[in-house]
Amino acid sequence: MSIVNTTEATFAADVLESELPVLVDFWAGWCAPCKAIAPVLEVLASEYEGKVNIVKVDVTQLQSVAADYNIRNIPALLMFKNGEVVATQVGAAPKSKLAAFIEDNI
């Protein structure tokens, strides 16, 4: 499964109702660190296919969703399990750290 770009209409289905853990990437097109981790997340999406879903939330377009989760800095990665946030990683990080974040929380 590739990375899903969610909308307000699909956020609940994509994230809150997912049977798999979901890594949500809160990002924006103008954010350089967000752009830096995007290719890493693409690789991780294929490496963890079937174990975790990766969903992107554009904070510029989905301000209400970002506000619901008190997103103040981006990139912000939130891991959801059973519709609840179980872990948070803020800021760009190398692939090894992002993979460890996923491993620790799935």
PDB file of N, CA and C in Angstrom:
ATOM      1  N   MET A   1       0.845  -1.186   0.000  1.00  0.00           N
ATOM      2  CA  MET A   1       0.000   0.000   0.000  1.00  0.00           C
ATOM      3  C   MET A   1       0.884   1.240   0.000  1.00  0.00           C
ATOM      4  N   SER A   2       0.556   2.171  -0.852  1.00  0.00           N
ATOM      5  CA  SER A   2       1.320   3.406  -0.868  1.00  0.00           C
ATOM      6  C   SER A   2       0.788   4.353   0.200  1.00  0.00           C
ATOM      7  N   ILE A   3       1.436   5.471   0.352  1.00  0.00           N
ATOM      8  CA  ILE A   3       1.017   6.469   1.332  1.00  0.00           C
ATOM      9  C   ILE A   3      -0.307   7.077   0.893  1.00  0.00           C
ATOM     10  N   VAL A   4      -1.205   7.258   1.851  1.00  0.00           N
ATOM     11  CA  VAL A   4      -2.528   7.826   1.594  1.00  0.00           C
ATOM     12  C   VAL A   4      -2.528   9.299   1.989  1.00  0.00           C
ATOM     13  N   ASN A   5      -2.994  10.149   1.095  1.00  0.00           N
ATOM     14  CA  ASN A   5      -3.215  11.558   1.429  1.00  0.00           C
ATOM     15  C   ASN A   5      -4.670  11.679   1.852  1.00  0.00           C
ATOM     16  N   THR A   6      -4.884  11.878   3.141  1.00  0.00           N
ATOM     17  CA  THR A   6      -6.238  11.871   3.674  1.00  0.00           C
ATOM     18  C   THR A   6      -6.907  13.234   3.531  1.00  0.00           C
ATOM     19  N   THR A   7      -8.206  13.238   3.732  1.00  0.00           N
ATOM     20  CA  THR A   7      -9.000  14.462   3.710  1.00  0.00           C
ATOM     21  C   THR A   7      -9.834  14.486   4.987  1.00  0.00           C
ATOM     22  N   GLU A   8     -10.520  15.592   5.217  1.00  0.00           N
ATOM     23  CA  GLU A   8     -11.401  15.652   6.388  1.00  0.00           C
ATOM     24  C   GLU A   8     -12.459  14.568   6.297  1.00  0.00           C
ATOM     25  N   ALA A   9     -12.935  14.298   5.091  1.00  0.00           N
ATOM     26  CA  ALA A   9     -13.992  13.311   4.895  1.00  0.00           C
ATOM     27  C   ALA A   9     -13.502  11.878   5.116  1.00  0.00           C
ATOM     28  N   THR A  10     -12.212  11.620   4.867  1.00  0.00           N
ATOM     29  CA  THR A  10     -11.709  10.248   4.953  1.00  0.00           C
ATOM     30  C   THR A  10     -10.807   9.990   6.152  1.00  0.00           C
ATOM     31  N   PHE A  11     -10.496  11.015   6.947  1.00  0.00           N
ATOM     32  CA  PHE A  11      -9.566  10.844   8.063  1.00  0.00           C
ATOM     33  C   PHE A  11     -10.013   9.741   9.019  1.00  0.00           C
ATOM     34  N   ALA A  12     -11.277   9.729   9.390  1.00  0.00           N
ATOM     35  CA  ALA A  12     -11.759   8.712  10.335  1.00  0.00           C
ATOM     36  C   ALA A  12     -11.547   7.309   9.781  1.00  0.00           C
ATOM     37  N   ALA A  13     -11.908   7.088   8.520  1.00  0.00           N
ATOM     38  CA  ALA A  13     -11.741   5.766   7.916  1.00  0.00           C
ATOM     39  C   ALA A  13     -10.263   5.419   7.734  1.00  0.00           C
ATOM     40  N   ASP A  14      -9.471   6.398   7.275  1.00  0.00           N
ATOM     41  CA  ASP A  14      -8.057   6.150   7.001  1.00  0.00           C
ATOM     42  C   ASP A  14      -7.241   5.911   8.269  1.00  0.00           C
ATOM     43  N   VAL A  15      -7.612   6.584   9.357  1.00  0.00           N
ATOM     44  CA  VAL A  15      -6.780   6.558  10.560  1.00  0.00           C
ATOM     45  C   VAL A  15      -7.505   5.930  11.755  1.00  0.00           C
ATOM     46  N   LEU A  16      -8.597   6.518  12.158  1.00  0.00           N
ATOM     47  CA  LEU A  16      -9.246   6.127  13.406  1.00  0.00           C
ATOM     48  C   LEU A  16      -9.871   4.740  13.351  1.00  0.00           C
ATOM     49  N   GLU A  17     -10.330   4.329  12.169  1.00  0.00           N
ATOM     50  CA  GLU A  17     -11.000   3.035  12.036  1.00  0.00           C
ATOM     51  C   GLU A  17     -10.110   1.955  11.427  1.00  0.00           C
ATOM     52  N   SER A  18      -8.842   2.256  11.216  1.00  0.00           N
ATOM     53  CA  SER A  18      -7.916   1.305  10.598  1.00  0.00           C
ATOM     54  C   SER A  18      -7.666   0.113  11.518  1.00  0.00           C
ATOM     55  N   GLU A  19      -7.637  -1.074  10.925  1.00  0.00           N
ATOM     56  CA  GLU A  19      -7.309  -2.276  11.688  1.00  0.00           C
ATOM     57  C   GLU A  19      -5.812  -2.361  11.976  1.00  0.00           C
ATOM     58  N   LEU A  20      -5.007  -1.761  11.108  1.00  0.00           N
ATOM     59  CA  LEU A  20      -3.557  -1.730  11.311  1.00  0.00           C
ATOM     60  C   LEU A  20      -3.173  -0.458  12.059  1.00  0.00           C
ATOM     61  N   PRO A  21      -2.012  -0.456  12.730  1.00  0.00           N
ATOM     62  CA  PRO A  21      -1.498   0.811  13.257  1.00  0.00           C
ATOM     63  C   PRO A  21      -1.306   1.780  12.092  1.00  0.00           C
ATOM     64  N   VAL A  22      -1.429   3.078  12.374  1.00  0.00           N
ATOM     65  CA  VAL A  22      -1.300   4.101  11.336  1.00  0.00           C
ATOM     66  C   VAL A  22      -0.290   5.152  11.782  1.00  0.00           C
ATOM     67  N   LEU A  23       0.701   5.401  10.926  1.00  0.00           N
ATOM     68  CA  LEU A  23       1.642   6.489  11.141  1.00  0.00           C
ATOM     69  C   LEU A  23       1.120   7.677  10.350  1.00  0.00           C
ATOM     70  N   VAL A  24       0.765   8.744  11.051  1.00  0.00           N
ATOM     71  CA  VAL A  24       0.228   9.932  10.393  1.00  0.00           C
ATOM     72  C   VAL A  24       1.317  10.996  10.335  1.00  0.00           C
ATOM     73  N   ASP A  25       1.601  11.454   9.126  1.00  0.00           N
ATOM     74  CA  ASP A  25       2.602  12.487   8.872  1.00  0.00           C
ATOM     75  C   ASP A  25       1.876  13.814   8.678  1.00  0.00           C
ATOM     76  N   PHE A  26       1.965  14.696   9.666  1.00  0.00           N
ATOM     77  CA  PHE A  26       1.434  16.050   9.539  1.00  0.00           C
ATOM     78  C   PHE A  26       2.530  16.882   8.877  1.00  0.00           C
ATOM     79  N   TRP A  27       2.232  17.460   7.712  1.00  0.00           N
ATOM     80  CA  TRP A  27       3.238  18.110   6.887  1.00  0.00           C
ATOM     81  C   TRP A  27       2.627  19.297   6.152  1.00  0.00           C
ATOM     82  N   ALA A  28       3.469  20.035   5.429  1.00  0.00           N
ATOM     83  CA  ALA A  28       3.017  21.116   4.545  1.00  0.00           C
ATOM     84  C   ALA A  28       3.994  21.228   3.381  1.00  0.00           C
ATOM     85  N   GLY A  29       3.498  21.683   2.252  1.00  0.00           N
ATOM     86  CA  GLY A  29       4.321  21.813   1.058  1.00  0.00           C
ATOM     87  C   GLY A  29       5.464  22.804   1.190  1.00  0.00           C
ATOM     88  N   TRP A  30       5.315  23.785   2.068  1.00  0.00           N
ATOM     89  CA  TRP A  30       6.353  24.802   2.254  1.00  0.00           C
ATOM     90  C   TRP A  30       7.401  24.401   3.295  1.00  0.00           C
ATOM     91  N   CYS A  31       7.255  23.231   3.895  1.00  0.00           N
ATOM     92  CA  CYS A  31       8.122  22.781   4.990  1.00  0.00           C
ATOM     93  C   CYS A  31       9.285  21.946   4.444  1.00  0.00           C
ATOM     94  N   ALA A  32      10.498  22.500   4.491  1.00  0.00           N
ATOM     95  CA  ALA A  32      11.674  21.794   3.966  1.00  0.00           C
ATOM     96  C   ALA A  32      11.944  20.471   4.691  1.00  0.00           C
ATOM     97  N   PRO A  33      11.899  20.420   6.040  1.00  0.00           N
ATOM     98  CA  PRO A  33      12.114  19.131   6.700  1.00  0.00           C
ATOM     99  C   PRO A  33      11.048  18.094   6.323  1.00  0.00           C
ATOM    100  N   CYS A  34       9.823  18.556   6.056  1.00  0.00           N
ATOM    101  CA  CYS A  34       8.757  17.642   5.622  1.00  0.00           C
ATOM    102  C   CYS A  34       9.114  17.022   4.279  1.00  0.00           C
ATOM    103  N   LYS A  35       9.619  17.858   3.382  1.00  0.00           N
ATOM    104  CA  LYS A  35      10.023  17.372   2.066  1.00  0.00           C
ATOM    105  C   LYS A  35      11.207  16.410   2.185  1.00  0.00           C
ATOM    106  N   ALA A  36      12.074  16.657   3.167  1.00  0.00           N
ATOM    107  CA  ALA A  36      13.256  15.811   3.346  1.00  0.00           C
ATOM    108  C   ALA A  36      12.884  14.396   3.780  1.00  0.00           C
ATOM    109  N   ILE A  37      11.850  14.252   4.610  1.00  0.00           N
ATOM    110  CA  ILE A  37      11.506  12.903   5.076  1.00  0.00           C
ATOM    111  C   ILE A  37      10.502  12.195   4.168  1.00  0.00           C
ATOM    112  N   ALA A  38       9.904  12.915   3.232  1.00  0.00           N
ATOM    113  CA  ALA A  38       8.895  12.306   2.348  1.00  0.00           C
ATOM    114  C   ALA A  38       9.417  11.069   1.615  1.00  0.00           C
ATOM    115  N   PRO A  39      10.604  11.120   0.990  1.00  0.00           N
ATOM    116  CA  PRO A  39      11.085   9.919   0.296  1.00  0.00           C
ATOM    117  C   PRO A  39      11.371   8.761   1.268  1.00  0.00           C
ATOM    118  N   VAL A  40      11.795   9.095   2.477  1.00  0.00           N
ATOM    119  CA  VAL A  40      12.060   8.074   3.492  1.00  0.00           C
ATOM    120  C   VAL A  40      10.753   7.382   3.870  1.00  0.00           C
ATOM    121  N   LEU A  41       9.692   8.164   4.023  1.00  0.00           N
ATOM    122  CA  LEU A  41       8.400   7.587   4.361  1.00  0.00           C
ATOM    123  C   LEU A  41       7.882   6.688   3.236  1.00  0.00           C
ATOM    124  N   GLU A  42       8.181   7.049   1.984  1.00  0.00           N
ATOM    125  CA  GLU A  42       7.799   6.204   0.849  1.00  0.00           C
ATOM    126  C   GLU A  42       8.468   4.833   0.958  1.00  0.00           C
ATOM    127  N   VAL A  43       9.746   4.831   1.280  1.00  0.00           N
ATOM    128  CA  VAL A  43      10.488   3.576   1.429  1.00  0.00           C
ATOM    129  C   VAL A  43       9.919   2.773   2.594  1.00  0.00           C
ATOM    130  N   LEU A  44       9.679   3.441   3.716  1.00  0.00           N
ATOM    131  CA  LEU A  44       9.145   2.756   4.896  1.00  0.00           C
ATOM    132  C   LEU A  44       7.744   2.198   4.632  1.00  0.00           C
ATOM    133  N   ALA A  45       6.958   2.911   3.826  1.00  0.00           N
ATOM    134  CA  ALA A  45       5.609   2.433   3.494  1.00  0.00           C
ATOM    135  C   ALA A  45       5.685   1.079   2.796  1.00  0.00           C
ATOM    136  N   SER A  46       6.656   0.907   1.904  1.00  0.00           N
ATOM    137  CA  SER A  46       6.771  -0.382   1.229  1.00  0.00           C
ATOM    138  C   SER A  46       7.400  -1.429   2.144  1.00  0.00           C
ATOM    139  N   GLU A  47       8.351  -1.035   2.972  1.00  0.00           N
ATOM    140  CA  GLU A  47       9.005  -1.988   3.878  1.00  0.00           C
ATOM    141  C   GLU A  47       8.042  -2.513   4.947  1.00  0.00           C
ATOM    142  N   TYR A  48       7.110  -1.686   5.369  1.00  0.00           N
ATOM    143  CA  TYR A  48       6.175  -2.070   6.433  1.00  0.00           C
ATOM    144  C   TYR A  48       4.771  -2.353   5.909  1.00  0.00           C
ATOM    145  N   GLU A  49       4.661  -2.592   4.611  1.00  0.00           N
ATOM    146  CA  GLU A  49       3.360  -2.899   4.021  1.00  0.00           C
ATOM    147  C   GLU A  49       2.741  -4.100   4.730  1.00  0.00           C
ATOM    148  N   GLY A  50       1.479  -3.958   5.113  1.00  0.00           N
ATOM    149  CA  GLY A  50       0.788  -5.022   5.819  1.00  0.00           C
ATOM    150  C   GLY A  50       0.959  -4.979   7.324  1.00  0.00           C
ATOM    151  N   LYS A  51       1.891  -4.145   7.802  1.00  0.00           N
ATOM    152  CA  LYS A  51       2.130  -4.012   9.245  1.00  0.00           C
ATOM    153  C   LYS A  51       1.670  -2.658   9.776  1.00  0.00           C
ATOM    154  N   VAL A  52       1.800  -1.632   8.939  1.00  0.00           N
ATOM    155  CA  VAL A  52       1.421  -0.279   9.337  1.00  0.00           C
ATOM    156  C   VAL A  52       1.013   0.495   8.084  1.00  0.00           C
ATOM    157  N   ASN A  53       0.029   1.357   8.221  1.00  0.00           N
ATOM    158  CA  ASN A  53      -0.348   2.264   7.134  1.00  0.00           C
ATOM    159  C   ASN A  53       0.274   3.621   7.400  1.00  0.00           C
ATOM    160  N   ILE A  54       0.666   4.296   6.340  1.00  0.00           N
ATOM    161  CA  ILE A  54       1.192   5.658   6.474  1.00  0.00           C
ATOM    162  C   ILE A  54       0.229   6.599   5.762  1.00  0.00           C
ATOM    163  N   VAL A  55      -0.192   7.610   6.504  1.00  0.00           N
ATOM    164  CA  VAL A  55      -1.185   8.569   6.022  1.00  0.00           C
ATOM    165  C   VAL A  55      -0.623   9.973   6.199  1.00  0.00           C
ATOM    166  N   LYS A  56      -0.785  10.804   5.167  1.00  0.00           N
ATOM    167  CA  LYS A  56      -0.306  12.184   5.232  1.00  0.00           C
ATOM    168  C   LYS A  56      -1.476  13.141   5.453  1.00  0.00           C
ATOM    169  N   VAL A  57      -1.242  14.134   6.330  1.00  0.00           N
ATOM    170  CA  VAL A  57      -2.211  15.195   6.589  1.00  0.00           C
ATOM    171  C   VAL A  57      -1.527  16.521   6.267  1.00  0.00           C
ATOM    172  N   ASP A  58      -2.007  17.196   5.224  1.00  0.00           N
ATOM    173  CA  ASP A  58      -1.490  18.517   4.852  1.00  0.00           C
ATOM    174  C   ASP A  58      -2.112  19.529   5.808  1.00  0.00           C
ATOM    175  N   VAL A  59      -1.280  20.080   6.704  1.00  0.00           N
ATOM    176  CA  VAL A  59      -1.808  20.980   7.739  1.00  0.00           C
ATOM    177  C   VAL A  59      -2.355  22.279   7.166  1.00  0.00           C
ATOM    178  N   THR A  60      -1.931  22.642   5.964  1.00  0.00           N
ATOM    179  CA  THR A  60      -2.448  23.849   5.325  1.00  0.00           C
ATOM    180  C   THR A  60      -3.894  23.636   4.882  1.00  0.00           C
ATOM    181  N   GLN A  61      -4.187  22.448   4.368  1.00  0.00           N
ATOM    182  CA  GLN A  61      -5.532  22.145   3.892  1.00  0.00           C
ATOM    183  C   GLN A  61      -6.440  21.597   4.983  1.00  0.00           C
ATOM    184  N   LEU A  62      -5.867  20.895   5.943  1.00  0.00           N
ATOM    185  CA  LEU A  62      -6.661  20.252   6.995  1.00  0.00           C
ATOM    186  C   LEU A  62      -6.336  20.858   8.361  1.00  0.00           C
ATOM    187  N   GLN A  63      -6.513  22.156   8.457  1.00  0.00           N
ATOM    188  CA  GLN A  63      -6.178  22.866   9.690  1.00  0.00           C
ATOM    189  C   GLN A  63      -6.959  22.348  10.887  1.00  0.00           C
ATOM    190  N   SER A  64      -8.203  21.963  10.686  1.00  0.00           N
ATOM    191  CA  SER A  64      -9.015  21.488  11.808  1.00  0.00           C
ATOM    192  C   SER A  64      -8.487  20.157  12.347  1.00  0.00           C
ATOM    193  N   VAL A  65      -8.031  19.277  11.455  1.00  0.00           N
ATOM    194  CA  VAL A  65      -7.468  18.001  11.905  1.00  0.00           C
ATOM    195  C   VAL A  65      -6.172  18.258  12.670  1.00  0.00           C
ATOM    196  N   ALA A  66      -5.325  19.139  12.154  1.00  0.00           N
ATOM    197  CA  ALA A  66      -4.082  19.483  12.846  1.00  0.00           C
ATOM    198  C   ALA A  66      -4.380  20.083  14.220  1.00  0.00           C
ATOM    199  N   ALA A  67      -5.385  20.920  14.297  1.00  0.00           N
ATOM    200  CA  ALA A  67      -5.769  21.528  15.575  1.00  0.00           C
ATOM    201  C   ALA A  67      -6.293  20.477  16.546  1.00  0.00           C
ATOM    202  N   ASP A  68      -7.045  19.510  16.034  1.00  0.00           N
ATOM    203  CA  ASP A  68      -7.582  18.438  16.891  1.00  0.00           C
ATOM    204  C   ASP A  68      -6.470  17.687  17.614  1.00  0.00           C
ATOM    205  N   TYR A  69      -5.304  17.584  16.990  1.00  0.00           N
ATOM    206  CA  TYR A  69      -4.185  16.849  17.571  1.00  0.00           C
ATOM    207  C   TYR A  69      -3.077  17.774  18.064  1.00  0.00           C
ATOM    208  N   ASN A  70      -3.410  19.059  18.218  1.00  0.00           N
ATOM    209  CA  ASN A  70      -2.510  20.051  18.811  1.00  0.00           C
ATOM    210  C   ASN A  70      -1.152  20.097  18.105  1.00  0.00           C
ATOM    211  N   ILE A  71      -1.176  20.044  16.778  1.00  0.00           N
ATOM    212  CA  ILE A  71       0.063  20.076  15.992  1.00  0.00           C
ATOM    213  C   ILE A  71       0.563  21.518  15.954  1.00  0.00           C
ATOM    214  N   ARG A  72       1.744  21.732  16.499  1.00  0.00           N
ATOM    215  CA  ARG A  72       2.348  23.065  16.543  1.00  0.00           C
ATOM    216  C   ARG A  72       3.606  23.155  15.689  1.00  0.00           C
ATOM    217  N   ASN A  73       4.291  22.031  15.521  1.00  0.00           N
ATOM    218  CA  ASN A  73       5.513  21.983  14.722  1.00  0.00           C
ATOM    219  C   ASN A  73       5.403  20.824  13.742  1.00  0.00           C
ATOM    220  N   ILE A  74       5.965  21.020  12.552  1.00  0.00           N
ATOM    221  CA  ILE A  74       5.955  19.959  11.554  1.00  0.00           C
ATOM    222  C   ILE A  74       7.363  19.760  11.017  1.00  0.00           C
ATOM    223  N   PRO A  75       7.685  18.595  10.527  1.00  0.00           N
ATOM    224  CA  PRO A  75       6.829  17.424  10.465  1.00  0.00           C
ATOM    225  C   PRO A  75       6.560  16.855  11.856  1.00  0.00           C
ATOM    226  N   ALA A  76       5.340  16.400  12.038  1.00  0.00           N
ATOM    227  CA  ALA A  76       4.953  15.714  13.271  1.00  0.00           C
ATOM    228  C   ALA A  76       4.387  14.358  12.858  1.00  0.00           C
ATOM    229  N   LEU A  77       4.942  13.318  13.434  1.00  0.00           N
ATOM    230  CA  LEU A  77       4.493  11.961  13.137  1.00  0.00           C
ATOM    231  C   LEU A  77       3.786  11.416  14.368  1.00  0.00           C
ATOM    232  N   LEU A  78       2.529  11.047  14.200  1.00  0.00           N
ATOM    233  CA  LEU A  78       1.750  10.465  15.288  1.00  0.00           C
ATOM    234  C   LEU A  78       1.416   9.030  14.929  1.00  0.00           C
ATOM    235  N   MET A  79       1.655   8.124  15.854  1.00  0.00           N
ATOM    236  CA  MET A  79       1.301   6.722  15.650  1.00  0.00           C
ATOM    237  C   MET A  79      -0.035   6.472  16.336  1.00  0.00           C
ATOM    238  N   PHE A  80      -0.979   5.963  15.557  1.00  0.00           N
ATOM    239  CA  PHE A  80      -2.309   5.638  16.056  1.00  0.00           C
ATOM    240  C   PHE A  80      -2.477   4.128  16.115  1.00  0.00           C
ATOM    241  N   LYS A  81      -3.094   3.664  17.195  1.00  0.00           N
ATOM    242  CA  LYS A  81      -3.530   2.276  17.321  1.00  0.00           C
ATOM    243  C   LYS A  81      -4.947   2.302  17.850  1.00  0.00           C
ATOM    244  N   ASN A  82      -5.824   1.574  17.187  1.00  0.00           N
ATOM    245  CA  ASN A  82      -7.228   1.519  17.612  1.00  0.00           C
ATOM    246  C   ASN A  82      -7.829   2.912  17.792  1.00  0.00           C
ATOM    247  N   GLY A  83      -7.462   3.839  16.916  1.00  0.00           N
ATOM    248  CA  GLY A  83      -8.025   5.176  16.930  1.00  0.00           C
ATOM    249  C   GLY A  83      -7.433   6.122  17.956  1.00  0.00           C
ATOM    250  N   GLU A  84      -6.413   5.687  18.693  1.00  0.00           N
ATOM    251  CA  GLU A  84      -5.796   6.507  19.731  1.00  0.00           C
ATOM    252  C   GLU A  84      -4.328   6.777  19.402  1.00  0.00           C
ATOM    253  N   VAL A  85      -3.860   7.984  19.755  1.00  0.00           N
ATOM    254  CA  VAL A  85      -2.444   8.315  19.580  1.00  0.00           C
ATOM    255  C   VAL A  85      -1.647   7.583  20.655  1.00  0.00           C
ATOM    256  N   VAL A  86      -0.655   6.806  20.220  1.00  0.00           N
ATOM    257  CA  VAL A  86       0.174   6.063  21.173  1.00  0.00           C
ATOM    258  C   VAL A  86       1.613   6.573  21.232  1.00  0.00           C
ATOM    259  N   ALA A  87       2.024   7.375  20.246  1.00  0.00           N
ATOM    260  CA  ALA A  87       3.395   7.900  20.240  1.00  0.00           C
ATOM    261  C   ALA A  87       3.485   9.081  19.278  1.00  0.00           C
ATOM    262  N   THR A  88       4.457   9.954  19.554  1.00  0.00           N
ATOM    263  CA  THR A  88       4.672  11.145  18.738  1.00  0.00           C
ATOM    264  C   THR A  88       6.158  11.337  18.477  1.00  0.00           C
ATOM    265  N   GLN A  89       6.477  11.702  17.244  1.00  0.00           N
ATOM    266  CA  GLN A  89       7.847  12.052  16.841  1.00  0.00           C
ATOM    267  C   GLN A  89       7.749  13.384  16.105  1.00  0.00           C
ATOM    268  N   VAL A  90       8.443  14.410  16.614  1.00  0.00           N
ATOM    269  CA  VAL A  90       8.393  15.720  15.979  1.00  0.00           C
ATOM    270  C   VAL A  90       9.755  16.031  15.378  1.00  0.00           C
ATOM    271  N   GLY A  91       9.731  16.533  14.137  1.00  0.00           N
ATOM    272  CA  GLY A  91      10.951  16.927  13.462  1.00  0.00           C
ATOM    273  C   GLY A  91      11.454  15.855  12.512  1.00  0.00           C
ATOM    274  N   ALA A  92      12.292  16.289  11.596  1.00  0.00           N
ATOM    275  CA  ALA A  92      12.886  15.365  10.633  1.00  0.00           C
ATOM    276  C   ALA A  92      13.852  14.446  11.357  1.00  0.00           C
ATOM    277  N   ALA A  93      13.982  13.230  10.846  1.00  0.00           N
ATOM    278  CA  ALA A  93      14.884  12.242  11.437  1.00  0.00           C
ATOM    279  C   ALA A  93      15.362  11.321  10.322  1.00  0.00           C
ATOM    280  N   PRO A  94      16.510  10.680  10.523  1.00  0.00           N
ATOM    281  CA  PRO A  94      16.998   9.738   9.514  1.00  0.00           C
ATOM    282  C   PRO A  94      16.122   8.479   9.468  1.00  0.00           C
ATOM    283  N   LYS A  95      16.278   7.739   8.400  1.00  0.00           N
ATOM    284  CA  LYS A  95      15.472   6.529   8.200  1.00  0.00           C
ATOM    285  C   LYS A  95      15.576   5.587   9.390  1.00  0.00           C
ATOM    286  N   SER A  96      16.771   5.415   9.916  1.00  0.00           N
ATOM    287  CA  SER A  96      16.950   4.477  11.029  1.00  0.00           C
ATOM    288  C   SER A  96      16.104   4.874  12.236  1.00  0.00           C
ATOM    289  N   LYS A  97      16.035   6.157  12.529  1.00  0.00           N
ATOM    290  CA  LYS A  97      15.244   6.626  13.675  1.00  0.00           C
ATOM    291  C   LYS A  97      13.747   6.483  13.391  1.00  0.00           C
ATOM    292  N   LEU A  98      13.330   6.777  12.172  1.00  0.00           N
ATOM    293  CA  LEU A  98      11.916   6.635  11.822  1.00  0.00           C
ATOM    294  C   LEU A  98      11.496   5.164  11.834  1.00  0.00           C
ATOM    295  N   ALA A  99      12.374   4.290  11.353  1.00  0.00           N
ATOM    296  CA  ALA A  99      12.079   2.851  11.380  1.00  0.00           C
ATOM    297  C   ALA A  99      11.986   2.364  12.825  1.00  0.00           C
ATOM    298  N   ALA A 100      12.877   2.839  13.677  1.00  0.00           N
ATOM    299  CA  ALA A 100      12.842   2.451  15.096  1.00  0.00           C
ATOM    300  C   ALA A 100      11.555   2.949  15.758  1.00  0.00           C
ATOM    301  N   PHE A 101      11.123   4.167  15.387  1.00  0.00           N
ATOM    302  CA  PHE A 101       9.862   4.716  15.916  1.00  0.00           C
ATOM    303  C   PHE A 101       8.691   3.812  15.535  1.00  0.00           C
ATOM    304  N   ILE A 102       8.678   3.363  14.282  1.00  0.00           N
ATOM    305  CA  ILE A 102       7.617   2.457  13.832  1.00  0.00           C
ATOM    306  C   ILE A 102       7.705   1.147  14.593  1.00  0.00           C
ATOM    307  N   GLU A 103       8.890   0.552  14.634  1.00  0.00           N
ATOM    308  CA  GLU A 103       9.079  -0.743  15.297  1.00  0.00           C
ATOM    309  C   GLU A 103       8.653  -0.695  16.762  1.00  0.00           C
ATOM    310  N   ASP A 104       8.999   0.376  17.443  1.00  0.00           N
ATOM    311  CA  ASP A 104       8.686   0.511  18.862  1.00  0.00           C
ATOM    312  C   ASP A 104       7.187   0.653  19.124  1.00  0.00           C
ATOM    313  N   ASN A 105       6.438   1.030  18.084  1.00  0.00           N
ATOM    314  CA  ASN A 105       5.038   1.373  18.318  1.00  0.00           C
ATOM    315  C   ASN A 105       4.027   0.557  17.520  1.00  0.00           C
ATOM    316  N   ILE A 106       4.488  -0.479  16.822  1.00  0.00           N
ATOM    317  CA  ILE A 106       3.512  -1.336  16.154  1.00  0.00           C
ATOM    318  C   ILE A 106       3.400  -2.572  16.973  1.00  0.00           C
TER     319      ILE A 106
END
